[in-house]
Amino acid sequence: MTTTTPQAHTGGNNRGHRGASFSGRSPRGGREGGNRGGRGGKLGGGPHRGGRPKFFEKPEFDQKIIDTKRVTRVVSGGRRFNFKIIMVVGDRNGRVGVGTGKGGDTALAIEKALRSAKRNILTISRTKDGSIPHEVSAKYSSARVRIMPASGRGLIAGSSLRVVLDLAGVRDVVAKVISPSKNSLNIAQAAVEALKTISSKTKRHDTNTRMKTNDTNENTA
């Protein structure tokens, strides 16, 4: 009388059961991959595989680094190196600012310079064409600049003076550095001081015009 081995029979059933239970799973996007976003899944693995595209918001200000310096300090234990960043930020629509930042690495220095430039934001007065209403000049430390309106000529300037005017959105002007100074920070600060005079003169002119109008109305009444 022959008897069948229960282990062999049980093993065959288990192997068949395993094959049935795992037959629906595929490592390349089967039933599970379709639900969880494998290859060709519903959710997808990226922007080119059915995923939702990511939209990045445009920053409020454009920024540009005009100078980078490595500062060395000698201490008792040796030398320590820091980085100094000079940055200009602006929205190209009448707002601009200059800032500096120092840090042990460039990333930290850039972050500090960006915060400093945003704190020093200046709003300037421009004409309808994006130019300036009159000629201005200013001096900061050893740098002296002059900005003159020039209709239809675009932006003619150099050095960090051009960066400040470009990020401020000023067009159709001729700007010159009329001093031997080549310091980028001083030139940028002189440009900001010159643009400040536009704002102050324009406000003073508007105030005088408003006062004259009120006096005229009172006399007429």
Protein backbone atom coordinates (compact mmCIF):
# COMPACT_ATOMS: atom_id res chain seq x y z
CA MET A 1 0.00 0.00 0.00
CA THR A 2 1.51 3.26 -1.14
CA THR A 3 0.95 6.49 0.75
CA THR A 4 1.55 10.00 -0.47
CA THR A 5 3.78 12.28 1.52
CA PRO A 6 1.69 15.07 3.03
CA GLN A 7 4.66 17.51 3.01
CA ALA A 8 5.15 17.27 -0.75
CA HIS A 9 1.43 17.69 -1.34
CA THR A 10 1.25 20.61 1.10
CA GLY A 11 4.30 22.22 -0.45
CA GLY A 12 2.74 22.07 -3.88
CA ASN A 13 -0.42 23.74 -2.58
CA ASN A 14 1.58 26.42 -0.81
CA ARG A 15 3.64 27.10 -3.91
CA GLY A 16 0.50 27.36 -5.97
CA HIS A 17 -1.12 29.62 -3.37
CA ARG A 18 1.86 31.90 -3.37
CA GLY A 19 1.84 32.09 -7.12
CA ALA A 20 -1.84 33.00 -7.07
CA SER A 21 -1.46 35.64 -4.37
CA PHE A 22 1.55 37.35 -5.94
CA SER A 23 0.52 36.91 -9.55
CA GLY A 24 -1.27 40.28 -9.54
CA ARG A 25 1.80 42.18 -8.32
CA SER A 26 4.34 43.42 -10.78
CA PRO A 27 7.51 45.33 -9.93
CA ARG A 28 7.06 47.40 -13.09
CA GLY A 29 3.67 48.93 -12.57
CA GLY A 30 1.17 46.10 -12.24
CA ARG A 31 -1.87 46.25 -9.99
CA GLU A 32 0.04 47.73 -7.05
CA GLY A 33 2.18 49.89 -9.30
CA GLY A 34 -0.91 51.26 -11.01
CA ASN A 35 -2.42 52.40 -7.69
CA ARG A 36 0.77 53.70 -6.11
CA GLY A 37 2.25 55.38 -9.13
CA GLY A 38 4.83 52.97 -10.51
CA ARG A 39 5.60 53.06 -14.20
CA GLY A 40 2.50 54.43 -15.82
CA GLY A 41 0.67 54.67 -12.48
CA LYS A 42 -2.16 57.05 -11.66
CA LEU A 43 -0.01 59.42 -9.57
CA GLY A 44 3.14 59.07 -11.65
CA GLY A 45 6.74 59.34 -10.57
CA GLY A 46 7.59 62.74 -12.02
CA PRO A 47 6.59 65.56 -14.37
CA HIS A 48 7.25 63.37 -17.43
CA ARG A 49 5.36 60.34 -16.07
CA GLY A 50 1.92 61.76 -15.48
CA GLY A 51 2.76 63.77 -12.34
CA ARG A 52 1.43 67.25 -11.68
CA PRO A 53 3.80 70.03 -12.84
CA LYS A 54 5.26 72.24 -10.13
CA PHE A 55 4.88 75.99 -10.50
CA PHE A 56 7.46 78.26 -8.85
CA GLU A 57 6.50 81.77 -7.83
CA LYS A 58 8.62 84.56 -9.24
CA PRO A 59 10.52 86.42 -6.49
CA GLU A 60 9.46 89.94 -5.64
CA PHE A 61 12.89 91.42 -6.37
CA ASP A 62 15.59 90.60 -8.88
CA GLN A 63 19.03 90.44 -7.34
CA LYS A 64 22.57 90.76 -8.61
CA ILE A 65 25.91 90.45 -6.85
CA ILE A 66 28.27 93.23 -7.91
CA ASP A 67 31.29 92.31 -5.81
CA THR A 68 32.62 89.44 -3.71
CA LYS A 69 35.58 89.78 -1.37
CA ARG A 70 37.40 87.34 0.89
CA VAL A 71 38.37 88.99 4.16
CA THR A 72 41.21 87.47 6.18
CA ARG A 73 41.54 88.11 9.90
CA VAL A 74 44.60 87.03 11.85
CA VAL A 75 43.85 85.69 15.34
CA SER A 76 45.90 83.96 17.98
CA GLY A 77 45.05 80.50 16.60
CA GLY A 78 45.80 81.34 12.98
CA ARG A 79 43.75 82.97 10.23
CA ARG A 80 40.01 83.21 9.82
CA PHE A 81 38.41 83.72 6.43
CA ASN A 82 35.12 85.52 5.90
CA PHE A 83 33.29 86.55 2.75
CA LYS A 84 31.81 89.96 1.99
CA ILE A 85 29.01 90.25 -0.58
CA ILE A 86 27.71 93.47 -2.14
CA MET A 87 24.26 93.00 -3.65
CA VAL A 88 21.72 95.14 -5.48
CA VAL A 89 18.03 94.21 -5.52
CA GLY A 90 15.16 95.79 -7.43
CA ASP A 91 11.82 95.09 -9.08
CA ARG A 92 12.62 97.02 -12.31
CA ASN A 93 9.60 99.17 -11.56
CA GLY A 94 10.95 102.05 -9.47
CA ARG A 95 12.26 100.23 -6.38
CA VAL A 96 15.92 99.46 -5.73
CA GLY A 97 18.22 98.85 -2.78
CA VAL A 98 21.89 98.14 -2.03
CA GLY A 99 23.09 95.92 0.80
CA THR A 100 26.17 94.16 2.13
CA GLY A 101 26.62 90.96 4.08
CA LYS A 102 29.47 89.08 5.75
CA GLY A 103 29.65 85.43 6.70
CA GLY A 104 31.84 82.40 7.12
CA ASP A 105 30.59 81.01 3.80
CA THR A 106 29.16 82.57 0.66
CA ALA A 107 25.62 81.28 1.23
CA LEU A 108 25.36 82.99 4.63
CA ALA A 109 26.90 86.20 3.28
CA ILE A 110 24.45 86.28 0.35
CA GLU A 111 21.49 85.79 2.69
CA LYS A 112 22.64 88.66 4.92
CA ALA A 113 23.26 90.92 1.93
CA LEU A 114 19.78 90.19 0.58
CA ARG A 115 18.15 91.10 3.89
CA SER A 116 20.24 94.27 4.12
CA ALA A 117 19.31 95.34 0.57
CA LYS A 118 15.61 94.77 1.22
CA ARG A 119 15.80 96.97 4.32
CA ASN A 120 17.31 99.76 2.22
CA ILE A 121 14.70 99.71 -0.55
CA LEU A 122 14.14 103.10 -2.17
CA THR A 123 11.16 104.11 -4.32
CA ILE A 124 12.07 106.61 -7.03
CA SER A 125 9.99 108.86 -9.26
CA ARG A 126 10.18 108.22 -12.99
CA THR A 127 8.56 109.65 -16.09
CA LYS A 128 6.04 107.75 -18.20
CA ASP A 129 8.86 106.52 -20.44
CA GLY A 130 10.83 105.18 -17.47
CA SER A 131 13.41 107.98 -17.53
CA ILE A 132 14.15 110.62 -14.88
CA PRO A 133 12.56 114.09 -14.89
CA HIS A 134 15.82 116.07 -14.58
CA GLU A 135 19.59 115.75 -14.24
CA VAL A 136 20.93 114.68 -10.85
CA SER A 137 24.34 114.14 -9.32
CA ALA A 138 25.53 112.91 -5.94
CA LYS A 139 28.67 112.06 -4.02
CA TYR A 140 29.22 109.17 -1.62
CA SER A 141 32.62 108.81 0.04
CA SER A 142 35.14 109.07 -2.84
CA ALA A 143 32.65 108.30 -5.64
CA ARG A 144 30.73 110.93 -7.58
CA VAL A 145 28.11 110.14 -10.25
CA ARG A 146 25.95 112.13 -12.64
CA ILE A 147 22.72 110.91 -14.26
CA MET A 148 21.22 112.82 -17.18
CA PRO A 149 17.98 112.10 -19.07
CA ALA A 150 18.43 111.17 -22.74
CA SER A 151 15.24 110.46 -24.64
CA GLY A 152 15.37 107.43 -26.94
CA ARG A 153 18.96 106.41 -26.14
CA GLY A 154 18.31 103.59 -23.71
CA LEU A 155 20.48 102.96 -20.66
CA ILE A 156 24.05 104.15 -21.14
CA ALA A 157 26.10 103.50 -18.02
CA GLY A 158 28.84 101.29 -16.69
CA SER A 159 30.17 99.62 -13.56
CA SER A 160 27.78 99.09 -10.65
CA LEU A 161 25.99 102.30 -11.65
CA ARG A 162 24.42 100.45 -14.56
CA VAL A 163 23.28 97.61 -12.29
CA VAL A 164 21.49 100.01 -9.93
CA LEU A 165 19.71 101.85 -12.74
CA ASP A 166 18.78 98.63 -14.53
CA LEU A 167 17.23 97.01 -11.44
CA ALA A 168 15.45 100.29 -10.65
CA GLY A 169 13.81 100.21 -14.09
CA VAL A 170 15.34 103.50 -15.25
CA ARG A 171 15.71 103.85 -19.03
CA ASP A 172 16.72 106.53 -21.53
CA VAL A 173 19.48 108.03 -19.37
CA VAL A 174 23.21 108.66 -19.67
CA ALA A 175 25.08 108.05 -16.41
CA LYS A 176 28.75 108.72 -15.72
CA VAL A 177 31.16 108.16 -12.87
CA ILE A 178 33.04 111.47 -12.67
CA SER A 179 35.58 110.44 -10.06
CA PRO A 180 38.67 108.23 -10.14
CA SER A 181 37.14 105.85 -7.59
CA LYS A 182 36.64 102.25 -8.74
CA ASN A 183 34.97 101.04 -5.54
CA SER A 184 31.79 99.20 -6.54
CA LEU A 185 30.03 99.80 -3.21
CA ASN A 186 30.74 103.55 -3.19
CA ILE A 187 29.56 103.93 -6.80
CA ALA A 188 26.36 102.00 -6.09
CA GLN A 189 25.66 104.04 -2.97
CA ALA A 190 26.33 107.27 -4.90
CA ALA A 191 23.79 106.17 -7.51
CA VAL A 192 21.22 105.55 -4.78
CA GLU A 193 21.92 108.98 -3.28
CA ALA A 194 21.39 110.57 -6.70
CA LEU A 195 18.08 108.75 -7.12
CA LYS A 196 17.04 109.95 -3.66
CA THR A 197 17.38 113.55 -4.80
CA ILE A 198 14.88 112.85 -7.57
CA SER A 199 12.33 111.63 -5.05
CA SER A 200 12.91 114.53 -2.64
CA LYS A 201 12.81 117.19 -5.36
CA THR A 202 9.69 115.68 -6.88
CA LYS A 203 7.93 115.61 -3.51
CA ARG A 204 9.00 119.19 -2.81
CA HIS A 205 7.74 120.28 -6.22
CA ASP A 206 4.40 118.51 -5.69
CA THR A 207 4.03 120.15 -2.27
CA ASN A 208 4.72 123.64 -3.66
CA THR A 209 2.30 123.06 -6.53
CA ARG A 210 -0.40 121.90 -4.12
CA MET A 211 0.12 124.96 -1.88
CA LYS A 212 -0.06 127.34 -4.85
CA THR A 213 -3.26 125.65 -6.03
CA ASN A 214 -4.84 126.02 -2.59
CA ASP A 215 -3.85 129.70 -2.40
CA THR A 216 -5.32 130.31 -5.85
CA ASN A 217 -8.58 128.64 -4.88
CA GLU A 218 -8.82 130.66 -1.68
CA ASN A 219 -8.18 133.92 -3.52
CA THR A 220 -10.76 133.03 -6.14
CA ALA A 221 -13.34 132.21 -3.46
